Every structure is written in structure tokens, then in C-alpha cells.
N, C-alpha and C. Protein backbone atom coordinates (compact mmCIF):
# COMPACT_ATOMS: atom_id res chain seq x y z
N MET A 1 -7.50 0.35 7.45
CA MET A 1 -6.39 -0.03 6.95
C MET A 1 -6.08 0.77 5.43
N VAL A 2 -4.84 0.94 5.10
CA VAL A 2 -4.46 1.48 3.68
C VAL A 2 -4.21 0.18 2.82
N PRO A 3 -4.90 0.02 1.90
CA PRO A 3 -4.36 -1.03 0.86
C PRO A 3 -3.41 -0.44 0.10
N ASP A 4 -2.15 -0.71 0.17
CA ASP A 4 -1.01 -0.13 -0.34
C ASP A 4 -0.18 -0.93 -1.27
N THR A 5 -0.40 -0.50 -2.62
CA THR A 5 0.38 -1.16 -3.72
C THR A 5 2.02 -1.03 -3.78
N GLY A 6 2.31 -0.14 -2.86
CA GLY A 6 3.83 0.44 -2.95
C GLY A 6 4.57 -0.49 -1.78
N SER A 7 3.84 -1.22 -1.08
CA SER A 7 4.58 -2.26 0.02
C SER A 7 3.96 -3.47 -0.12
N SER A 8 4.50 -4.41 0.60
CA SER A 8 4.27 -5.83 0.82
C SER A 8 3.68 -6.49 2.07
N ASN A 9 3.94 -5.78 3.11
CA ASN A 9 3.83 -6.49 4.51
C ASN A 9 2.33 -5.82 5.08
N LEU A 10 1.76 -6.58 5.83
CA LEU A 10 0.50 -6.23 6.63
C LEU A 10 1.00 -5.80 7.99
N TRP A 11 0.68 -4.58 8.72
CA TRP A 11 0.80 -4.35 9.92
C TRP A 11 -0.34 -3.54 10.52
N VAL A 12 -0.27 -3.65 12.06
CA VAL A 12 -1.30 -2.96 12.71
C VAL A 12 -0.62 -2.41 13.99
N TYR A 13 -1.35 -1.43 14.32
CA TYR A 13 -0.81 -0.56 15.68
C TYR A 13 -1.15 -1.81 16.69
N SER A 14 -0.24 -2.07 17.56
CA SER A 14 -0.37 -3.02 18.68
C SER A 14 -1.07 -2.43 20.03
N HIS A 15 -1.91 -3.01 20.69
CA HIS A 15 -2.49 -2.41 21.93
C HIS A 15 -1.45 -2.24 22.98
N SER A 16 -0.01 -2.64 22.91
CA SER A 16 0.90 -2.23 23.65
C SER A 16 1.59 -1.34 23.33
N CYS A 17 1.26 -0.50 22.19
CA CYS A 17 1.97 0.66 21.63
C CYS A 17 1.58 1.85 22.53
N TRP A 18 2.68 2.71 22.65
CA TRP A 18 2.56 4.04 23.48
C TRP A 18 3.04 4.92 22.72
N ALA A 19 3.24 4.74 21.39
CA ALA A 19 3.59 5.96 20.33
C ALA A 19 2.34 6.91 20.19
N ILE A 20 2.42 8.15 19.79
CA ILE A 20 1.73 9.11 19.70
C ILE A 20 0.40 8.60 18.84
N PRO A 21 0.63 8.05 17.54
CA PRO A 21 -0.36 7.63 16.62
C PRO A 21 -1.42 6.55 17.34
N CYS A 22 -0.74 5.79 18.29
CA CYS A 22 -1.65 4.65 18.69
C CYS A 22 -2.60 5.23 19.86
N TRP A 23 -2.36 6.31 20.20
CA TRP A 23 -3.43 7.08 21.24
C TRP A 23 -4.66 7.24 20.69
N THR A 24 -4.62 7.57 19.22
CA THR A 24 -5.78 8.14 18.62
C THR A 24 -6.23 7.27 17.66
N HIS A 25 -5.70 5.99 17.42
CA HIS A 25 -6.07 4.94 16.39
C HIS A 25 -6.66 3.80 17.09
N ALA A 26 -7.34 2.95 16.39
CA ALA A 26 -7.68 1.49 16.88
C ALA A 26 -6.33 0.69 16.91
N THR A 27 -6.09 -0.21 18.02
CA THR A 27 -4.98 -0.99 18.02
C THR A 27 -5.62 -2.47 18.07
N PHE A 28 -4.56 -3.29 17.89
CA PHE A 28 -4.75 -4.84 17.98
C PHE A 28 -4.55 -5.29 19.35
N ASN A 29 -5.24 -5.94 20.00
CA ASN A 29 -5.17 -6.62 21.32
C ASN A 29 -5.09 -8.08 21.04
N ASN A 30 -3.84 -8.67 21.05
CA ASN A 30 -3.69 -10.07 20.55
C ASN A 30 -4.31 -11.06 21.71
N SER A 31 -4.55 -10.63 22.89
CA SER A 31 -4.99 -11.42 23.95
C SER A 31 -6.44 -11.77 23.82
N LYS A 32 -7.01 -11.03 22.82
CA LYS A 32 -8.43 -11.01 22.63
C LYS A 32 -8.77 -12.00 21.31
N SER A 33 -7.72 -12.54 20.65
CA SER A 33 -7.99 -13.42 19.44
C SER A 33 -7.40 -14.81 19.85
N SER A 34 -8.42 -15.66 19.62
CA SER A 34 -8.27 -17.02 19.98
C SER A 34 -7.25 -17.80 18.95
N THR A 35 -7.17 -17.14 17.71
CA THR A 35 -6.17 -17.84 16.65
C THR A 35 -4.70 -17.11 16.54
N TYR A 36 -4.52 -16.41 17.36
CA TYR A 36 -3.04 -15.44 17.35
C TYR A 36 -2.17 -16.53 17.93
N LYS A 37 -1.06 -16.39 17.39
CA LYS A 37 0.14 -17.12 17.74
C LYS A 37 1.37 -15.82 17.76
N LYS A 38 2.16 -16.14 18.82
CA LYS A 38 3.09 -15.15 19.13
C LYS A 38 4.39 -15.59 18.28
N ASP A 39 4.99 -14.69 17.80
CA ASP A 39 6.45 -14.94 17.12
C ASP A 39 7.51 -14.10 17.57
N GLY A 40 7.47 -12.91 17.77
CA GLY A 40 8.35 -12.03 18.55
C GLY A 40 9.63 -11.69 17.75
N GLN A 41 9.65 -12.02 16.46
CA GLN A 41 10.59 -11.64 15.64
C GLN A 41 10.67 -9.89 15.47
N ALA A 42 11.83 -9.28 15.34
CA ALA A 42 11.81 -7.94 15.17
C ALA A 42 11.24 -7.36 13.81
N PHE A 43 10.43 -6.61 13.63
CA PHE A 43 9.68 -5.94 12.61
C PHE A 43 9.90 -4.66 12.42
N ASN A 44 10.56 -4.05 11.35
CA ASN A 44 10.99 -2.57 11.07
C ASN A 44 10.78 -2.29 9.64
N ILE A 45 10.04 -1.38 9.26
CA ILE A 45 9.85 -0.82 7.93
C ILE A 45 10.06 0.67 7.84
N GLN A 46 10.80 1.25 6.84
CA GLN A 46 11.22 2.68 6.61
C GLN A 46 10.38 2.93 5.46
N TYR A 47 9.50 4.03 5.59
CA TYR A 47 8.78 4.37 4.37
C TYR A 47 9.37 5.66 4.06
N GLY A 48 8.77 6.49 2.85
CA GLY A 48 9.23 7.82 2.70
C GLY A 48 8.74 8.62 3.59
N SER A 49 7.66 8.44 4.09
CA SER A 49 7.17 9.40 5.23
C SER A 49 7.30 9.09 6.66
N GLY A 50 8.23 8.07 6.95
CA GLY A 50 8.57 7.64 8.27
C GLY A 50 8.96 6.35 8.41
N GLY A 51 8.84 5.83 9.60
CA GLY A 51 9.09 4.38 9.86
C GLY A 51 8.46 3.98 11.00
N ILE A 52 8.04 2.46 11.25
CA ILE A 52 7.41 1.93 12.26
C ILE A 52 8.33 0.68 12.64
N LYS A 53 8.22 0.43 13.84
CA LYS A 53 9.11 -0.78 14.60
C LYS A 53 8.14 -1.67 15.52
N GLY A 54 8.33 -2.84 15.67
CA GLY A 54 7.51 -3.71 16.56
C GLY A 54 8.01 -5.13 16.40
N THR A 55 7.11 -6.12 16.55
CA THR A 55 7.51 -7.41 16.40
C THR A 55 6.42 -8.24 15.55
N ALA A 56 6.73 -9.19 15.12
CA ALA A 56 5.78 -10.14 14.34
C ALA A 56 4.93 -11.07 15.04
N GLY A 57 3.72 -11.27 14.70
CA GLY A 57 2.76 -12.24 15.04
C GLY A 57 2.21 -12.90 13.86
N GLN A 58 1.31 -13.84 14.25
CA GLN A 58 0.68 -14.77 13.16
C GLN A 58 -0.77 -14.80 13.80
N ASP A 59 -1.77 -14.31 12.58
CA ASP A 59 -3.07 -14.53 12.73
C ASP A 59 -3.98 -14.84 11.58
N VAL A 60 -5.27 -14.92 11.63
CA VAL A 60 -6.10 -14.72 10.56
C VAL A 60 -6.48 -13.34 10.31
N ALA A 61 -6.02 -13.01 8.94
CA ALA A 61 -6.58 -11.54 8.36
C ALA A 61 -7.74 -11.91 7.48
N MET A 62 -8.69 -11.03 7.63
CA MET A 62 -9.88 -11.17 6.95
C MET A 62 -10.41 -9.87 6.29
N VAL A 63 -10.63 -9.86 4.96
CA VAL A 63 -11.31 -8.69 4.29
C VAL A 63 -12.36 -9.28 3.84
N GLY A 64 -13.74 -8.78 4.28
CA GLY A 64 -14.94 -9.37 3.93
C GLY A 64 -14.85 -10.86 4.27
N ASP A 65 -15.26 -11.81 3.42
CA ASP A 65 -15.14 -13.23 3.54
C ASP A 65 -13.73 -13.89 3.20
N ILE A 66 -12.75 -12.97 2.79
CA ILE A 66 -11.56 -13.61 2.21
C ILE A 66 -10.62 -13.50 3.38
N THR A 67 -10.06 -14.66 3.49
CA THR A 67 -8.88 -14.98 4.76
C THR A 67 -7.75 -15.55 4.38
N ALA A 68 -6.66 -15.14 5.26
CA ALA A 68 -5.34 -15.52 5.05
C ALA A 68 -4.55 -15.69 6.59
N THR A 69 -4.23 -16.83 6.70
CA THR A 69 -3.36 -17.19 8.05
C THR A 69 -1.94 -16.82 7.68
N MET A 70 -1.51 -15.68 8.45
CA MET A 70 -0.27 -14.99 8.07
C MET A 70 0.51 -14.49 9.10
N LYS A 71 1.65 -14.06 8.81
CA LYS A 71 2.49 -13.38 9.83
C LYS A 71 2.35 -11.78 9.45
N PHE A 72 2.41 -11.17 10.38
CA PHE A 72 2.19 -9.45 10.39
C PHE A 72 2.84 -8.86 11.25
N GLY A 73 2.93 -7.43 11.12
CA GLY A 73 3.55 -6.64 12.30
C GLY A 73 2.92 -6.14 13.24
N GLU A 74 3.14 -6.25 14.52
CA GLU A 74 2.41 -5.51 15.52
C GLU A 74 3.34 -4.34 16.01
N VAL A 75 2.91 -3.20 15.72
CA VAL A 75 3.67 -1.99 15.72
C VAL A 75 3.73 -1.30 17.17
N THR A 76 4.86 -1.25 17.65
CA THR A 76 4.80 -0.64 18.78
C THR A 76 5.38 0.83 18.82
N SER A 77 6.02 1.25 17.81
CA SER A 77 6.75 2.47 17.71
C SER A 77 6.51 3.11 16.27
N ALA A 78 6.19 4.31 16.21
CA ALA A 78 6.04 5.00 14.91
C ALA A 78 6.66 6.40 14.77
N SER A 79 7.28 6.72 13.76
CA SER A 79 7.87 7.96 13.67
C SER A 79 7.57 8.69 12.19
N GLY A 80 7.05 9.83 12.34
CA GLY A 80 6.42 10.50 11.05
C GLY A 80 5.20 11.06 11.40
N ALA A 81 5.19 12.41 10.80
CA ALA A 81 3.75 13.09 10.98
C ALA A 81 2.65 12.50 10.19
N SER A 82 2.88 11.77 9.33
CA SER A 82 1.87 11.07 8.41
C SER A 82 1.10 10.02 9.39
N PHE A 83 1.89 9.42 10.13
CA PHE A 83 1.11 8.46 10.80
C PHE A 83 0.15 8.88 11.86
N ILE A 84 0.40 10.22 12.37
CA ILE A 84 -0.37 11.00 13.43
C ILE A 84 -1.49 11.59 12.58
N ALA A 85 -1.19 12.01 11.30
CA ALA A 85 -2.48 12.70 10.60
C ALA A 85 -3.51 11.65 10.03
N SER A 86 -2.98 10.60 9.42
CA SER A 86 -3.59 9.68 8.88
C SER A 86 -4.94 9.02 9.65
N LYS A 87 -6.02 8.59 9.00
CA LYS A 87 -6.84 7.81 9.89
C LYS A 87 -6.49 6.38 10.11
N MET A 88 -5.70 5.86 9.33
CA MET A 88 -5.31 4.26 9.38
C MET A 88 -4.87 3.74 10.58
N SER A 89 -5.06 2.63 10.85
CA SER A 89 -4.65 1.78 11.84
C SER A 89 -3.52 0.63 11.44
N GLY A 90 -3.32 0.81 10.23
CA GLY A 90 -2.18 -0.02 9.71
C GLY A 90 -2.29 -0.04 8.13
N ILE A 91 -1.30 -0.97 7.65
CA ILE A 91 -1.27 -0.94 6.15
C ILE A 91 -1.44 -2.58 5.71
N MET A 92 -2.15 -2.65 4.58
CA MET A 92 -2.18 -3.89 4.07
C MET A 92 -1.27 -3.91 2.66
N GLY A 93 0.03 -4.50 2.68
CA GLY A 93 0.54 -4.30 1.67
C GLY A 93 0.28 -5.23 0.33
N LEU A 94 0.02 -4.65 -0.77
CA LEU A 94 -0.59 -5.49 -1.98
C LEU A 94 0.53 -5.43 -3.02
N ALA A 95 1.83 -5.20 -2.88
CA ALA A 95 2.75 -5.43 -3.71
C ALA A 95 3.47 -6.79 -3.74
N TYR A 96 4.32 -7.19 -4.49
CA TYR A 96 4.88 -8.46 -4.69
C TYR A 96 5.60 -8.85 -3.53
N ASP A 97 5.71 -10.22 -3.10
CA ASP A 97 6.49 -10.72 -1.93
C ASP A 97 8.07 -10.50 -2.05
N SER A 98 8.45 -10.19 -3.29
CA SER A 98 9.84 -10.14 -3.51
C SER A 98 10.28 -8.87 -2.85
N ILE A 99 9.55 -7.91 -2.16
CA ILE A 99 10.01 -6.79 -1.47
C ILE A 99 9.35 -6.78 -0.19
N SER A 100 8.84 -8.01 0.31
CA SER A 100 8.20 -8.08 1.45
C SER A 100 9.36 -8.12 2.72
N VAL A 101 9.10 -7.34 3.74
CA VAL A 101 10.28 -7.41 4.79
C VAL A 101 10.29 -8.78 5.39
N ASP A 102 11.56 -9.23 5.54
CA ASP A 102 11.73 -10.41 6.17
C ASP A 102 11.09 -11.69 5.56
N GLY A 103 10.78 -11.44 4.16
CA GLY A 103 10.16 -12.46 3.29
C GLY A 103 8.72 -12.97 3.89
N PHE A 104 8.02 -12.06 4.57
CA PHE A 104 6.56 -12.60 4.91
C PHE A 104 5.70 -12.79 3.73
N LYS A 105 5.02 -13.75 3.73
CA LYS A 105 3.97 -13.84 2.67
C LYS A 105 3.05 -12.86 2.68
N THR A 106 2.56 -12.40 1.52
CA THR A 106 1.71 -11.21 1.45
C THR A 106 0.28 -11.76 1.61
N PHE A 107 -0.91 -10.69 1.98
CA PHE A 107 -2.19 -11.33 1.87
C PHE A 107 -2.70 -11.83 0.62
N MET A 108 -2.26 -11.14 -0.45
CA MET A 108 -2.68 -11.52 -1.81
C MET A 108 -2.03 -12.90 -2.11
N ASP A 109 -0.84 -13.39 -1.62
CA ASP A 109 -0.25 -14.68 -1.92
C ASP A 109 -0.85 -15.70 -1.26
N ILE A 110 -1.35 -15.52 -0.01
CA ILE A 110 -1.88 -16.97 0.69
C ILE A 110 -3.28 -16.70 1.09
N ASN A 111 -4.19 -15.72 0.36
CA ASN A 111 -5.63 -15.72 0.91
C ASN A 111 -6.29 -16.71 0.28
N THR A 112 -7.55 -16.92 0.37
CA THR A 112 -8.38 -18.06 -0.02
C THR A 112 -8.97 -17.95 -1.49
N LEU A 113 -8.66 -16.78 -2.26
CA LEU A 113 -9.02 -16.44 -3.49
C LEU A 113 -8.32 -17.47 -4.51
N LYS A 114 -8.91 -17.74 -5.73
CA LYS A 114 -8.22 -18.39 -6.78
C LYS A 114 -7.95 -17.20 -7.70
N ASP A 115 -8.56 -16.37 -7.78
CA ASP A 115 -8.45 -14.96 -8.47
C ASP A 115 -7.80 -14.07 -7.75
N LYS A 116 -6.46 -13.66 -7.88
CA LYS A 116 -5.95 -12.73 -7.13
C LYS A 116 -5.83 -11.36 -7.57
N SER A 117 -6.80 -11.01 -8.52
CA SER A 117 -6.89 -9.56 -8.90
C SER A 117 -7.68 -8.73 -8.07
N PHE A 118 -7.39 -7.43 -8.04
CA PHE A 118 -8.28 -6.45 -7.36
C PHE A 118 -8.10 -5.05 -8.07
N SER A 119 -9.19 -4.17 -7.81
CA SER A 119 -9.15 -2.93 -8.41
C SER A 119 -9.55 -1.99 -7.39
N MET A 120 -9.30 -0.70 -7.73
CA MET A 120 -9.42 0.71 -6.78
C MET A 120 -10.19 1.44 -7.38
N TYR A 121 -11.09 2.26 -7.00
CA TYR A 121 -11.83 3.33 -7.48
C TYR A 121 -11.66 4.61 -6.43
N LEU A 122 -10.91 5.72 -6.85
CA LEU A 122 -10.48 6.56 -6.01
C LEU A 122 -11.32 7.94 -6.61
N HIS A 123 -11.73 8.45 -5.67
CA HIS A 123 -12.90 9.68 -5.87
C HIS A 123 -12.19 10.83 -5.02
N THR A 124 -12.62 12.12 -5.14
CA THR A 124 -12.05 13.24 -4.48
C THR A 124 -12.83 13.00 -3.12
N ASN A 125 -14.11 12.50 -2.85
CA ASN A 125 -14.77 12.23 -1.64
C ASN A 125 -14.27 10.92 -1.28
N PRO A 126 -13.42 10.79 -0.19
CA PRO A 126 -13.13 9.37 0.22
C PRO A 126 -14.12 8.64 0.42
N LYS A 127 -15.31 8.85 0.74
CA LYS A 127 -16.31 7.97 1.29
C LYS A 127 -16.88 7.39 -0.01
N GLU A 128 -16.69 7.94 -1.20
CA GLU A 128 -16.87 7.39 -2.50
C GLU A 128 -16.02 6.33 -3.08
N SER A 129 -14.78 6.25 -2.62
CA SER A 129 -13.59 5.37 -3.03
C SER A 129 -13.95 4.09 -2.54
N TYR A 130 -13.88 3.09 -3.14
CA TYR A 130 -13.68 1.73 -2.85
C TYR A 130 -12.89 0.67 -3.59
N MET A 131 -12.87 -0.26 -3.12
CA MET A 131 -11.86 -1.55 -3.66
C MET A 131 -12.54 -2.64 -3.78
N VAL A 132 -12.17 -3.45 -5.07
CA VAL A 132 -13.00 -4.67 -5.37
C VAL A 132 -11.92 -5.81 -5.35
N MET A 133 -12.48 -6.84 -4.68
CA MET A 133 -11.37 -8.01 -4.60
C MET A 133 -12.32 -9.17 -4.50
N PRO A 134 -12.20 -10.01 -5.60
CA PRO A 134 -11.28 -9.94 -6.90
C PRO A 134 -11.96 -9.33 -7.94
N GLY A 135 -11.16 -9.04 -8.89
CA GLY A 135 -11.86 -8.47 -10.20
C GLY A 135 -12.10 -6.82 -10.12
N MET A 136 -12.96 -6.54 -10.77
CA MET A 136 -13.13 -5.12 -11.15
C MET A 136 -14.80 -4.88 -11.20
N ASP A 137 -15.21 -3.65 -10.98
CA ASP A 137 -16.68 -3.31 -11.21
C ASP A 137 -17.11 -2.99 -12.58
N THR A 138 -17.50 -4.19 -13.19
CA THR A 138 -17.82 -4.20 -14.46
C THR A 138 -19.13 -3.66 -14.84
N GLU A 139 -19.94 -3.13 -13.89
CA GLU A 139 -21.18 -2.52 -13.90
C GLU A 139 -21.16 -1.01 -14.30
N ASN A 140 -19.98 -0.49 -13.51
CA ASN A 140 -19.79 1.05 -13.62
C ASN A 140 -18.65 1.40 -14.35
N TYR A 141 -17.86 0.56 -14.80
CA TYR A 141 -16.53 0.85 -15.40
C TYR A 141 -16.14 -0.09 -16.48
N THR A 142 -15.57 0.38 -17.64
CA THR A 142 -15.07 -0.49 -18.68
C THR A 142 -13.63 -0.27 -18.85
N THR A 143 -12.86 -1.48 -19.34
CA THR A 143 -11.35 -1.32 -19.43
C THR A 143 -11.12 -0.46 -20.69
N ILE A 144 -10.33 0.80 -20.57
CA ILE A 144 -9.71 1.48 -21.53
C ILE A 144 -8.48 1.04 -22.04
N GLN A 145 -7.67 0.67 -21.28
CA GLN A 145 -6.38 0.10 -21.98
C GLN A 145 -5.79 -0.97 -20.82
N LYS A 146 -4.84 -1.52 -21.33
CA LYS A 146 -4.05 -2.70 -20.38
C LYS A 146 -2.67 -2.42 -20.54
N HIS A 147 -2.09 -2.63 -19.50
CA HIS A 147 -0.50 -2.52 -19.28
C HIS A 147 0.04 -3.46 -18.62
N LYS A 148 1.12 -4.11 -19.23
CA LYS A 148 1.81 -5.32 -18.72
C LYS A 148 2.55 -4.93 -17.51
N VAL A 149 2.71 -5.77 -16.26
CA VAL A 149 3.63 -5.52 -15.21
C VAL A 149 5.15 -5.82 -15.65
N VAL A 150 6.06 -5.09 -15.67
CA VAL A 150 7.38 -5.49 -16.38
C VAL A 150 8.44 -5.76 -15.25
N GLU A 151 7.94 -5.43 -13.85
CA GLU A 151 8.83 -5.92 -12.94
C GLU A 151 8.03 -6.29 -11.64
N GLU A 152 8.04 -7.38 -11.11
CA GLU A 152 7.47 -7.86 -10.10
C GLU A 152 7.92 -7.61 -8.72
N LYS A 153 8.17 -6.54 -8.40
CA LYS A 153 8.35 -6.00 -7.03
C LYS A 153 7.39 -5.00 -6.57
N TYR A 154 7.19 -3.89 -7.25
CA TYR A 154 6.02 -2.96 -7.09
C TYR A 154 5.36 -3.23 -8.36
N TRP A 155 4.07 -2.67 -8.48
CA TRP A 155 3.49 -2.76 -9.84
C TRP A 155 4.08 -1.74 -10.81
N ALA A 156 4.99 -2.20 -11.36
CA ALA A 156 5.92 -1.34 -12.34
C ALA A 156 5.40 -1.52 -13.84
N LEU A 157 5.33 -0.39 -14.65
CA LEU A 157 4.84 -0.35 -15.98
C LEU A 157 5.96 0.37 -16.69
N ASP A 158 6.04 0.07 -17.93
CA ASP A 158 6.91 0.63 -18.80
C ASP A 158 6.19 2.13 -19.27
N LEU A 159 6.93 3.32 -18.99
CA LEU A 159 6.47 4.38 -19.57
C LEU A 159 6.79 4.63 -21.07
N ASP A 160 5.87 5.53 -21.73
CA ASP A 160 6.20 5.91 -23.00
C ASP A 160 6.22 7.30 -23.28
N MET A 161 5.24 8.13 -22.78
CA MET A 161 5.20 9.47 -23.02
C MET A 161 4.33 10.15 -22.04
N ILE A 162 4.76 11.41 -21.71
CA ILE A 162 3.94 11.99 -20.61
C ILE A 162 3.77 13.52 -21.49
N HIS A 163 2.93 14.22 -20.97
CA HIS A 163 2.34 15.46 -21.69
C HIS A 163 2.15 16.78 -20.83
N ASN A 164 2.62 17.80 -21.18
CA ASN A 164 2.39 19.15 -20.51
C ASN A 164 1.57 19.87 -21.52
N GLY A 165 0.27 19.75 -21.44
CA GLY A 165 -0.54 20.48 -22.64
C GLY A 165 -0.30 19.67 -23.91
N ALA A 166 -0.03 20.57 -24.86
CA ALA A 166 0.44 20.03 -26.04
C ALA A 166 1.73 19.43 -26.31
N LYS A 167 2.51 19.82 -25.26
CA LYS A 167 3.88 19.25 -25.35
C LYS A 167 4.14 17.83 -24.96
N SER A 168 4.77 17.12 -25.72
CA SER A 168 5.03 15.78 -25.50
C SER A 168 6.47 15.68 -25.04
N ILE A 169 6.58 14.69 -23.84
CA ILE A 169 7.92 14.67 -23.15
C ILE A 169 8.33 12.91 -23.17
N ASP A 170 9.36 12.76 -24.04
CA ASP A 170 9.72 11.38 -24.00
C ASP A 170 10.01 10.63 -22.71
N ALA A 171 9.37 9.62 -22.33
CA ALA A 171 9.64 9.12 -20.98
C ALA A 171 9.91 7.40 -21.13
N SER A 172 10.42 7.01 -22.50
CA SER A 172 10.47 5.63 -22.78
C SER A 172 11.54 5.01 -22.09
N LYS A 173 12.58 5.61 -21.52
CA LYS A 173 13.66 4.84 -20.75
C LYS A 173 13.37 4.73 -19.28
N TYR A 174 12.06 5.09 -18.83
CA TYR A 174 11.63 5.04 -17.51
C TYR A 174 10.58 4.17 -17.12
N LYS A 175 10.51 3.55 -16.02
CA LYS A 175 9.40 2.50 -15.58
C LYS A 175 8.61 3.66 -14.58
N ALA A 176 7.31 3.30 -14.37
CA ALA A 176 6.57 3.96 -13.41
C ALA A 176 5.82 2.80 -12.40
N VAL A 177 5.81 3.33 -11.16
CA VAL A 177 5.50 2.38 -10.18
C VAL A 177 3.85 3.01 -9.89
N ILE A 178 2.83 2.35 -9.76
CA ILE A 178 1.62 2.57 -9.31
C ILE A 178 1.51 2.33 -7.91
N ASP A 179 1.34 3.39 -6.99
CA ASP A 179 1.54 3.30 -5.60
C ASP A 179 0.31 3.92 -4.94
N SER A 180 -0.64 3.02 -4.47
CA SER A 180 -1.84 3.74 -3.87
C SER A 180 -1.59 4.06 -2.44
N GLY A 181 -0.32 4.04 -1.80
CA GLY A 181 -0.16 4.46 -0.62
C GLY A 181 0.30 5.82 -0.47
N THR A 182 0.55 6.64 -1.57
CA THR A 182 0.88 7.96 -1.53
C THR A 182 -0.03 8.80 -2.61
N SER A 183 -0.01 10.21 -2.34
CA SER A 183 -0.60 11.07 -3.47
C SER A 183 0.46 11.77 -4.10
N LEU A 184 1.67 11.54 -3.83
CA LEU A 184 2.76 12.17 -4.43
C LEU A 184 3.10 11.84 -5.86
N LEU A 185 3.60 12.73 -6.62
CA LEU A 185 4.07 12.06 -8.07
C LEU A 185 5.59 12.65 -7.92
N VAL A 186 6.33 11.62 -8.17
CA VAL A 186 7.78 11.47 -8.19
C VAL A 186 8.49 11.13 -9.21
N GLY A 187 9.44 11.73 -9.52
CA GLY A 187 10.14 11.32 -10.67
C GLY A 187 11.52 11.82 -11.02
N PRO A 188 12.32 11.26 -12.03
CA PRO A 188 13.61 12.16 -12.31
C PRO A 188 13.65 13.53 -12.79
N LYS A 189 14.51 14.35 -12.41
CA LYS A 189 14.45 15.60 -12.68
C LYS A 189 14.27 15.84 -14.35
N ALA A 190 14.90 15.13 -15.09
CA ALA A 190 14.96 15.19 -16.54
C ALA A 190 13.42 15.40 -17.10
N ILE A 191 12.51 14.51 -16.50
CA ILE A 191 11.21 14.73 -16.90
C ILE A 191 10.43 15.49 -16.23
N ILE A 192 10.56 15.45 -14.95
CA ILE A 192 9.51 16.24 -13.94
C ILE A 192 9.71 17.78 -14.36
N SER A 193 10.96 18.36 -14.55
CA SER A 193 11.14 19.79 -14.81
C SER A 193 10.25 20.12 -15.96
N GLU A 194 10.24 19.30 -17.11
CA GLU A 194 9.41 19.62 -18.16
C GLU A 194 8.05 19.44 -18.04
N LEU A 195 7.50 18.37 -17.30
CA LEU A 195 6.33 18.43 -16.84
C LEU A 195 5.70 19.45 -16.10
N ILE A 196 6.37 20.25 -15.28
CA ILE A 196 6.00 21.24 -14.36
C ILE A 196 6.19 22.51 -14.92
N ASP A 197 6.87 22.63 -16.24
CA ASP A 197 7.18 23.79 -16.76
C ASP A 197 6.06 24.73 -17.15
N GLY A 198 5.88 25.95 -16.60
CA GLY A 198 4.80 26.87 -16.76
C GLY A 198 3.78 26.80 -15.67
N ILE A 199 4.04 25.93 -14.74
CA ILE A 199 3.10 26.03 -13.58
C ILE A 199 3.58 26.91 -12.71
N THR A 200 2.75 27.96 -12.07
CA THR A 200 3.02 28.98 -11.21
C THR A 200 2.36 28.76 -9.88
N VAL A 201 2.82 29.12 -8.79
CA VAL A 201 2.20 28.81 -7.61
C VAL A 201 2.09 30.07 -6.89
N ASP A 202 0.99 30.60 -6.39
CA ASP A 202 0.73 31.69 -5.89
C ASP A 202 0.88 31.78 -4.30
């Protein structure tokens, strides 16, 4: 599962899915779950890299010993090369429920934790990357800065300044979204053009 701060829904590939990504990824067989409840509501999400379709179900989602009885998507159709290339079998949305498709409650909203915080540690070697829920890894890391969430949809922060070497670029009229579900840097041309100025690609 991809822990995604850029979306809010939980979904998995269904055992009844015949889309190409489902041939090479683990799938969810609801007949093997004693806690599963059929819903049947249509479930569709369009991401920047493609879309998924299916129906909704309800079951107990578990991360370690953290549980949440919740509605989620059972995906039967997926379009987009990223779903084929990725090793993921689904997405766990970690953004706010205000952008949840069909108003489904999020895993963080209804899990058994009192402390709803989480942290991610991303390395160039994926096997060294990990997530802590709740809290943070205080043994290996310390807090350098704190920034307030200014819009409870995605994890949105106020930008101040970005830098291209010694050149400072005013970005104070923009917000930035922290999105763990993508490796792309996207922004308005007014500041991105200055940010990449001088970069050459061979």
C-alpha cells in the first residue's frame, strides 16, 4: 500500500479485477474475510497519473496493531502506466476527509489511535524508508522546523521563499502541498521557470 498524503481514500485491487495491474499485484478476496460487508456503491477516483474504478465495501483495515472498520474501494478497473509499473496493491489516503471521494471516512479519522500523528522517512534506497504511526522517530531524528497546516484538504502549507542557488524567489502568495504519493515537483510557471533557470539536460 502507498501511504498517500495527496488523497484520502483507501482502496485495494479486487480479486475479481481483470485489469492488467491486477494480473501482477496482490488482490483482495472478500470471500476470505469474516468481517467483510458488501456495499456495492460505485467507487471512482481520477489521479494525475490515471484512474481507478470499482465498488465500495466495508472491512477492518489494519496497520500493525492499529485498526479501523471502514468503507474502502475494491478496484476492478485501472488505467494509467503508473499502476502497472508500481509495486503497490492499493493506496491508503492520509489527507483530510474533506476531499474523500463520496465522503468516506479516512483511516486516520476512525482508527483506534488517540494520537493521529504520523511521520515518514524517505531514503534513496526504498528498503530503508519507513513510516511511524503515531508520532516520529525521536531516537534518530530531531525537529528542525514546524509549519502550520493552513488548509485542511491536502497537507497545505504557506510558502515563503524558494531558492535557486544564491537566487531567492518570492513565493509568499502560494501554498504548497506535501504529497507523499508522487515524486514530481509541480508549480505555477511564474516561480518554476525561475527555479529551473540555468539547469541543462544532456
